[in-house]
């Protein structure tokens, strides 16, 4: 059990102190917005896949101010969101078909909750989705485009969602039994370096057979490699959306603080191994990674089999994907990992064009 002193340490972490004003200003649209262009999904990287296209259409309609900033800040994170989101939607739909019960999904620290709202909207009662954020402006964006009564928002940091809160808060009634999918998006790195304690807090909320999906920015044992990837992110990708002055200001005000609480892949693997039998890297963009973990071999295989190949130019990806980082010898996962083939909309592709 995570103790009181750890909780108090998280409560005084940068996300709720030195970085709080930045997130409030950006989420309210009063600052932080891209000043050169808006991010647009490049469907050519996704082979004009039908399922991803449907997901992305709803997803884009539900953006709030913070979403535009976020997807302009991380190379090809928008394509990954739609690739991952469409796979989670299919995974949840299959689970509903087997159980005739809604799939419960928690997107931890995901800003406006756009992913949660998209999943709830397209799930149409077959998915109950929760997101949390300590930023009031994200709550405003969430309810401005809630889109579904099956989308729920908790205003507060992830560690305020403890057992007592779930048991006594009527708004959290659909989630008292835990989650089938729990997604953590670049949140842990804003509170602490102790991934074991953070996982200890959230993993008990994952149901048997459930999945933890993480989007993490990782440190690298070679600082020069880390910095070169950061240079590529800033000078090649972000420069399409932000002016040089804007990029420098954010680095000074925000990113240097976040870097202090990042951990490397080896530390991440060690923490995941303490809780899960299986973990797989499914996406990599510079210093950013998507990691899928579970104690259910079949759940990991099913979710990954519902993903199209990663939508990332080769120059940004430094891993052979999918890559197993936690596995078992008796029931090894690695030999059976495979992406699905894209359901390419050949007649529509020329009409859609390559959206850049």
Protein backbone atom coordinates (compact mmCIF):
# COMPACT_ATOMS: atom_id res chain seq x y z
CA UNK A 1 0.00 0.00 0.00
CA UNK A 2 1.29 3.45 -0.92
CA UNK A 3 1.82 5.41 2.27
CA UNK A 4 0.83 8.89 3.36
CA UNK A 5 4.34 10.31 2.97
CA UNK A 6 4.49 9.20 -0.68
CA UNK A 7 1.11 10.79 -1.37
CA UNK A 8 2.25 14.04 0.22
CA UNK A 9 5.43 13.93 -1.86
CA UNK A 10 3.32 13.59 -5.03
CA UNK A 11 1.06 16.42 -3.87
CA UNK A 12 4.08 18.73 -3.78
CA UNK A 13 5.44 17.54 -7.14
CA UNK A 14 6.02 19.85 -10.14
CA UNK A 15 2.73 18.97 -11.87
CA UNK A 16 0.76 20.53 -9.01
CA UNK A 17 3.20 23.32 -8.14
CA UNK A 18 5.73 24.83 -10.55
CA UNK A 19 4.02 23.49 -13.70
CA UNK A 20 0.41 24.08 -12.66
CA UNK A 21 0.14 27.56 -14.17
CA UNK A 22 1.54 26.39 -17.53
CA UNK A 23 -1.05 23.62 -17.80
CA UNK A 24 -3.91 25.91 -16.76
CA UNK A 25 -2.91 28.59 -19.26
CA UNK A 26 -2.42 26.12 -22.11
CA UNK A 27 -5.61 24.17 -21.39
CA UNK A 28 -7.66 27.37 -21.28
CA UNK A 29 -6.32 28.51 -24.66
CA UNK A 30 -4.70 31.61 -23.16
CA UNK A 31 -1.18 30.50 -24.07
CA UNK A 32 0.95 27.64 -25.31
CA UNK A 33 -0.88 27.25 -28.61
CA UNK A 34 1.06 26.51 -31.78
CA UNK A 35 1.73 29.83 -33.48
CA UNK A 36 2.62 28.63 -36.99
CA UNK A 37 0.22 25.81 -37.90
CA UNK A 38 -2.20 23.27 -36.46
CA UNK A 39 -1.34 19.55 -36.33
CA UNK A 40 -3.13 17.45 -38.95
CA UNK A 41 -3.35 13.67 -39.16
CA UNK A 42 -1.27 12.12 -41.93
CA UNK A 43 -3.43 9.19 -43.04
CA UNK A 44 -0.77 8.06 -45.51
CA UNK A 45 1.33 6.89 -42.54
CA UNK A 46 -1.65 4.77 -41.50
CA UNK A 47 -2.17 3.33 -44.99
CA UNK A 48 -5.55 5.09 -45.17
CA UNK A 49 -6.96 2.50 -42.78
CA UNK A 50 -10.77 2.64 -42.48
CA UNK A 51 -11.00 1.94 -38.73
CA UNK A 52 -8.39 4.56 -37.88
CA UNK A 53 -10.08 7.04 -40.21
CA UNK A 54 -13.44 6.61 -38.48
CA UNK A 55 -11.84 6.94 -35.06
CA UNK A 56 -9.82 10.01 -36.04
CA UNK A 57 -12.86 11.79 -37.48
CA UNK A 58 -14.67 11.67 -34.13
CA UNK A 59 -11.47 12.33 -32.19
CA UNK A 60 -10.72 15.57 -34.06
CA UNK A 61 -14.19 16.97 -33.42
CA UNK A 62 -13.66 16.60 -29.67
CA UNK A 63 -10.34 18.43 -29.29
CA UNK A 64 -9.90 21.12 -26.70
CA UNK A 65 -7.14 23.77 -26.60
CA UNK A 66 -4.65 21.49 -24.87
CA UNK A 67 -5.00 18.74 -27.48
CA UNK A 68 -3.74 20.99 -30.26
CA UNK A 69 -0.70 21.92 -28.19
CA UNK A 70 0.01 18.33 -27.22
CA UNK A 71 -0.15 16.81 -30.70
CA UNK A 72 2.05 19.57 -32.10
CA UNK A 73 4.66 18.86 -29.42
CA UNK A 74 5.43 15.15 -29.84
CA UNK A 75 6.40 13.79 -33.26
CA UNK A 76 3.59 11.71 -34.76
CA UNK A 77 1.81 11.36 -31.43
CA UNK A 78 -1.48 12.24 -33.17
CA UNK A 79 -1.11 9.30 -35.55
CA UNK A 80 -0.26 7.05 -32.59
CA UNK A 81 -3.28 8.26 -30.62
CA UNK A 82 -5.63 7.34 -33.46
CA UNK A 83 -3.85 4.04 -34.18
CA UNK A 84 -3.91 3.07 -30.51
CA UNK A 85 -7.40 4.43 -29.91
CA UNK A 86 -8.95 2.49 -32.77
CA UNK A 87 -7.28 -0.70 -31.49
CA UNK A 88 -8.59 -0.10 -27.95
CA UNK A 89 -12.06 0.51 -29.39
CA UNK A 90 -11.97 -2.84 -31.21
CA UNK A 91 -10.56 -4.57 -28.11
CA UNK A 92 -13.35 -3.11 -25.98
CA UNK A 93 -16.02 -4.04 -28.50
CA UNK A 94 -14.82 -7.64 -28.52
CA UNK A 95 -14.82 -7.74 -24.73
CA UNK A 96 -18.37 -6.40 -24.67
CA UNK A 97 -19.47 -9.02 -27.19
CA UNK A 98 -18.09 -11.79 -24.98
CA UNK A 99 -19.48 -10.50 -21.69
CA UNK A 100 -22.48 -8.34 -22.67
CA UNK A 101 -21.11 -5.82 -20.16
CA UNK A 102 -19.53 -2.42 -20.82
CA UNK A 103 -15.75 -2.31 -21.00
CA UNK A 104 -14.29 0.10 -18.44
CA UNK A 105 -11.42 2.32 -19.55
CA UNK A 106 -9.41 4.83 -17.54
CA UNK A 107 -7.16 7.37 -19.27
CA UNK A 108 -5.00 8.67 -16.44
CA UNK A 109 -3.79 12.24 -16.76
CA UNK A 110 -4.87 12.72 -20.36
CA UNK A 111 -5.63 16.43 -20.37
CA UNK A 112 -9.06 17.15 -21.82
CA UNK A 113 -9.90 13.46 -21.92
CA UNK A 114 -10.31 13.53 -25.68
CA UNK A 115 -9.36 9.86 -25.99
CA UNK A 116 -11.81 8.84 -23.26
CA UNK A 117 -14.61 10.90 -24.82
CA UNK A 118 -13.93 9.47 -28.29
CA UNK A 119 -13.99 5.90 -26.99
CA UNK A 120 -17.19 6.52 -25.02
CA UNK A 121 -18.87 8.17 -28.00
CA UNK A 122 -17.99 5.43 -30.47
CA UNK A 123 -18.68 2.76 -27.85
CA UNK A 124 -22.26 4.04 -27.56
CA UNK A 125 -22.92 2.41 -24.19
CA UNK A 126 -20.53 -0.49 -24.68
CA UNK A 127 -17.69 1.49 -23.07
CA UNK A 128 -17.57 3.46 -19.82
CA UNK A 129 -14.58 5.80 -19.90
CA UNK A 130 -12.99 7.87 -17.14
CA UNK A 131 -10.25 10.45 -17.29
CA UNK A 132 -8.67 12.62 -14.62
CA UNK A 133 -6.81 15.91 -14.56
CA UNK A 134 -5.98 18.38 -11.80
CA UNK A 135 -6.39 21.27 -14.27
CA UNK A 136 -9.72 23.11 -14.10
CA UNK A 137 -9.54 24.23 -17.73
CA UNK A 138 -9.31 20.59 -18.83
CA UNK A 139 -12.53 19.90 -16.94
CA UNK A 140 -14.16 22.79 -18.81
CA UNK A 141 -13.00 21.40 -22.16
CA UNK A 142 -14.20 17.93 -21.22
CA UNK A 143 -17.76 18.99 -20.49
CA UNK A 144 -17.89 21.50 -23.36
CA UNK A 145 -17.59 18.54 -25.74
CA UNK A 146 -18.48 15.62 -23.51
CA UNK A 147 -20.33 13.95 -26.42
CA UNK A 148 -21.45 10.95 -24.36
CA UNK A 149 -23.01 10.30 -20.98
CA UNK A 150 -20.65 7.34 -20.76
CA UNK A 151 -17.63 9.67 -20.55
CA UNK A 152 -16.68 10.67 -17.01
CA UNK A 153 -14.23 13.18 -15.56
CA UNK A 154 -12.51 13.36 -12.19
CA UNK A 155 -11.06 16.75 -11.34
CA UNK A 156 -7.91 15.99 -9.39
CA UNK A 157 -4.57 14.16 -9.58
CA UNK A 158 -4.49 10.41 -10.14
CA UNK A 159 -3.57 9.61 -6.54
CA UNK A 160 -6.79 11.19 -5.21
CA UNK A 161 -8.65 8.32 -6.87
CA UNK A 162 -8.12 5.91 -3.98
CA UNK A 163 -10.30 3.05 -2.74
CA UNK A 164 -12.32 5.33 -0.46
CA UNK A 165 -13.06 7.73 -3.31
CA UNK A 166 -14.28 4.95 -5.59
CA UNK A 167 -16.45 3.55 -2.80
CA UNK A 168 -18.13 6.83 -1.83
CA UNK A 169 -18.26 8.96 -5.01
CA UNK A 170 -21.47 8.18 -6.90
CA UNK A 171 -20.00 9.62 -10.12
CA UNK A 172 -17.42 6.81 -10.02
CA UNK A 173 -19.99 4.02 -9.62
CA UNK A 174 -19.28 2.47 -13.08
CA UNK A 175 -15.62 2.03 -12.09
CA UNK A 176 -15.84 0.50 -8.63
CA UNK A 177 -15.05 -2.90 -10.09
CA UNK A 178 -11.84 -1.71 -11.72
CA UNK A 179 -10.70 -1.22 -15.31
CA UNK A 180 -10.24 -3.42 -18.34
CA UNK A 181 -7.82 -0.91 -19.86
CA UNK A 182 -5.83 1.69 -17.92
CA UNK A 183 -3.84 4.17 -20.00
CA UNK A 184 -1.22 6.43 -18.42
CA UNK A 185 -0.03 9.20 -20.70
CA UNK A 186 3.25 10.97 -19.77
CA UNK A 187 1.90 11.62 -16.26
CA UNK A 188 4.15 9.69 -13.87
CA UNK A 189 7.16 11.72 -15.02
CA UNK A 190 5.60 14.88 -13.60
CA UNK A 191 5.29 13.54 -10.05
CA UNK A 192 8.20 11.30 -9.15
CA UNK A 193 10.94 8.96 -10.40
CA UNK A 194 9.68 6.03 -8.31
CA UNK A 195 7.82 3.97 -10.91
CA UNK A 196 7.39 1.08 -8.48
CA UNK A 197 5.31 3.21 -6.12
CA UNK A 198 3.28 4.71 -8.95
CA UNK A 199 2.51 1.28 -10.38
CA UNK A 200 1.75 0.00 -6.91
CA UNK A 201 -0.96 2.65 -6.68
CA UNK A 202 -2.67 2.06 -10.05
CA UNK A 203 -2.15 -1.62 -10.92
CA UNK A 204 -4.62 -2.96 -8.29
CA UNK A 205 -7.38 -1.13 -10.19
CA UNK A 206 -6.77 -3.26 -13.30
CA UNK A 207 -9.15 -6.19 -13.58
CA UNK A 208 -7.93 -9.76 -14.18
CA UNK A 209 -7.12 -10.01 -17.87
CA UNK A 210 -6.87 -6.24 -18.12
CA UNK A 211 -4.19 -4.09 -19.72
CA UNK A 212 -1.93 -1.22 -18.72
CA UNK A 213 -1.02 0.99 -21.67
CA UNK A 214 1.59 3.68 -21.11
CA UNK A 215 2.89 6.51 -23.24
CA UNK A 216 6.22 7.37 -21.63
CA UNK A 217 9.06 9.75 -22.31
CA UNK A 218 12.20 7.90 -21.26
CA UNK A 219 15.69 9.00 -20.33
CA UNK A 220 18.60 7.36 -22.13
CA UNK A 221 21.83 5.98 -20.68
CA UNK A 222 23.70 7.94 -23.35
CA UNK A 223 22.91 11.60 -22.81
CA UNK A 224 24.13 12.53 -26.28
CA UNK A 225 21.62 10.18 -27.89
CA UNK A 226 18.83 11.63 -25.77
CA UNK A 227 19.75 15.19 -26.72
CA UNK A 228 20.04 14.34 -30.43
CA UNK A 229 16.51 12.94 -30.38
CA UNK A 230 15.33 16.07 -28.59
CA UNK A 231 17.01 18.22 -31.24
CA UNK A 232 15.22 16.29 -33.98
CA UNK A 233 11.91 16.75 -32.16
CA UNK A 234 12.37 20.48 -31.72
CA UNK A 235 14.14 21.49 -34.92
CA UNK A 236 12.55 19.13 -37.45
CA UNK A 237 9.06 18.37 -36.13
CA UNK A 238 7.96 21.06 -33.69
CA UNK A 239 9.34 23.84 -35.90
CA UNK A 240 6.47 23.10 -38.28
CA UNK A 241 4.02 24.31 -35.63
CA UNK A 242 5.90 26.55 -33.19
CA UNK A 243 8.27 29.46 -33.65
CA UNK A 244 11.83 29.13 -32.34
CA UNK A 245 11.11 31.50 -29.49
CA UNK A 246 8.06 29.50 -28.45
CA UNK A 247 10.04 26.23 -28.42
CA UNK A 248 12.86 27.76 -26.35
CA UNK A 249 10.45 29.23 -23.85
CA UNK A 250 8.69 25.93 -23.25
CA UNK A 251 12.00 24.14 -22.84
CA UNK A 252 13.07 26.61 -20.17
CA UNK A 253 9.74 26.72 -18.36
CA UNK A 254 8.55 23.13 -18.56
CA UNK A 255 10.68 20.48 -20.24
CA UNK A 256 13.80 20.91 -18.11
CA UNK A 257 11.69 20.19 -15.01
CA UNK A 258 10.07 17.13 -16.60
CA UNK A 259 13.46 15.72 -17.55
CA UNK A 260 14.48 15.50 -13.89
CA UNK A 261 11.74 12.93 -13.20
CA UNK A 262 12.18 10.73 -16.27
CA UNK A 263 13.64 7.25 -15.95
CA UNK A 264 15.35 5.06 -18.55
CA UNK A 265 14.08 1.90 -20.21
CA UNK A 266 15.95 -0.42 -17.85
CA UNK A 267 14.33 1.21 -14.82
CA UNK A 268 10.94 1.05 -16.53
CA UNK A 269 11.35 -2.65 -17.31
CA UNK A 270 12.39 -3.43 -13.73
CA UNK A 271 9.28 -1.72 -12.38
CA UNK A 272 6.93 -3.40 -14.85
CA UNK A 273 8.46 -6.81 -14.17
CA UNK A 274 7.43 -6.48 -10.53
CA UNK A 275 3.75 -6.42 -11.53
CA UNK A 276 3.35 -8.02 -14.96
CA UNK A 277 4.30 -11.18 -16.82
CA UNK A 278 4.28 -9.43 -20.18
CA UNK A 279 5.27 -5.99 -21.48
CA UNK A 280 5.73 -4.97 -25.11
CA UNK A 281 7.00 -1.83 -26.82
CA UNK A 282 4.47 -1.02 -29.55
CA UNK A 283 5.58 2.47 -30.63
CA UNK A 284 8.67 4.64 -30.51
CA UNK A 285 9.21 8.23 -31.56
CA UNK A 286 12.54 9.64 -30.45
CA UNK A 287 12.48 9.49 -26.64
CA UNK A 288 8.77 8.56 -26.50
CA UNK A 289 7.43 5.02 -26.24
CA UNK A 290 4.11 3.19 -26.01
CA UNK A 291 4.24 0.15 -23.71
CA UNK A 292 1.48 -2.47 -23.31
CA UNK A 293 1.58 -4.63 -20.16
CA UNK A 294 -0.61 -7.37 -18.70
CA UNK A 295 -0.61 -10.65 -16.82
CA UNK A 296 -2.83 -12.05 -19.57
CA UNK A 297 -0.96 -13.34 -22.60
CA UNK A 298 -4.15 -13.47 -24.66
CA UNK A 299 -5.09 -9.86 -23.86
CA UNK A 300 -1.70 -8.51 -24.98
CA UNK A 301 -1.79 -10.56 -28.17
CA UNK A 302 -5.35 -9.49 -28.91
CA UNK A 303 -4.76 -5.76 -28.49
CA UNK A 304 -1.57 -5.77 -30.54
CA UNK A 305 -3.21 -7.86 -33.26
CA UNK A 306 -5.79 -5.06 -33.58
CA UNK A 307 -3.11 -2.39 -34.21
CA UNK A 308 -1.94 -1.45 -37.67
CA UNK A 309 1.82 -1.04 -37.97
CA UNK A 310 3.29 2.03 -36.24
CA UNK A 311 2.67 5.27 -38.11
CA UNK A 312 6.13 6.75 -37.77
CA UNK A 313 8.80 7.75 -40.30
CA UNK A 314 11.89 5.50 -39.97
CA UNK A 315 14.13 8.37 -38.93
CA UNK A 316 12.17 8.81 -35.68
CA UNK A 317 11.88 5.14 -34.70
CA UNK A 318 14.87 3.47 -33.01
CA UNK A 319 13.35 0.09 -32.09
CA UNK A 320 12.29 -3.01 -34.00
CA UNK A 321 8.61 -3.18 -33.13
CA UNK A 322 6.80 -4.87 -31.55
CA UNK A 323 9.55 -5.57 -29.01
CA UNK A 324 8.97 -7.71 -25.93
CA UNK A 325 10.64 -6.26 -22.82
CA UNK A 326 9.02 -8.52 -20.18
CA UNK A 327 8.19 -12.11 -21.10
CA UNK A 328 8.00 -15.64 -19.71
CA UNK A 329 9.96 -18.69 -20.82
CA UNK A 330 7.10 -21.17 -20.55
CA UNK A 331 4.53 -19.16 -22.51
CA UNK A 332 6.67 -16.76 -24.46
CA UNK A 333 4.82 -13.90 -26.09
CA UNK A 334 7.35 -12.74 -28.66
CA UNK A 335 6.88 -15.46 -31.34
CA UNK A 336 3.17 -14.67 -31.72
CA UNK A 337 3.22 -10.87 -31.85
CA UNK A 338 1.84 -9.43 -35.08
CA UNK A 339 0.16 -6.28 -36.38
CA UNK A 340 -3.06 -6.43 -38.35
CA UNK A 341 -3.13 -5.52 -42.01
CA UNK A 342 -4.54 -2.11 -42.83
CA UNK A 343 -8.07 -1.99 -44.21
CA UNK A 344 -6.94 0.47 -46.86
CA UNK A 345 -9.59 2.67 -48.43
CA UNK A 346 -8.07 2.45 -51.91
CA UNK A 347 -10.86 4.29 -53.76
CA UNK A 348 -10.93 7.04 -51.11
CA UNK A 349 -7.21 7.58 -50.63
CA UNK A 350 -6.77 9.97 -53.56
CA UNK A 351 -9.75 12.02 -52.38
CA UNK A 352 -8.46 12.22 -48.83
CA UNK A 353 -4.96 13.08 -49.99
CA UNK A 354 -1.98 13.17 -47.67
CA UNK A 355 -2.95 15.53 -44.88
CA UNK A 356 0.11 17.40 -43.76
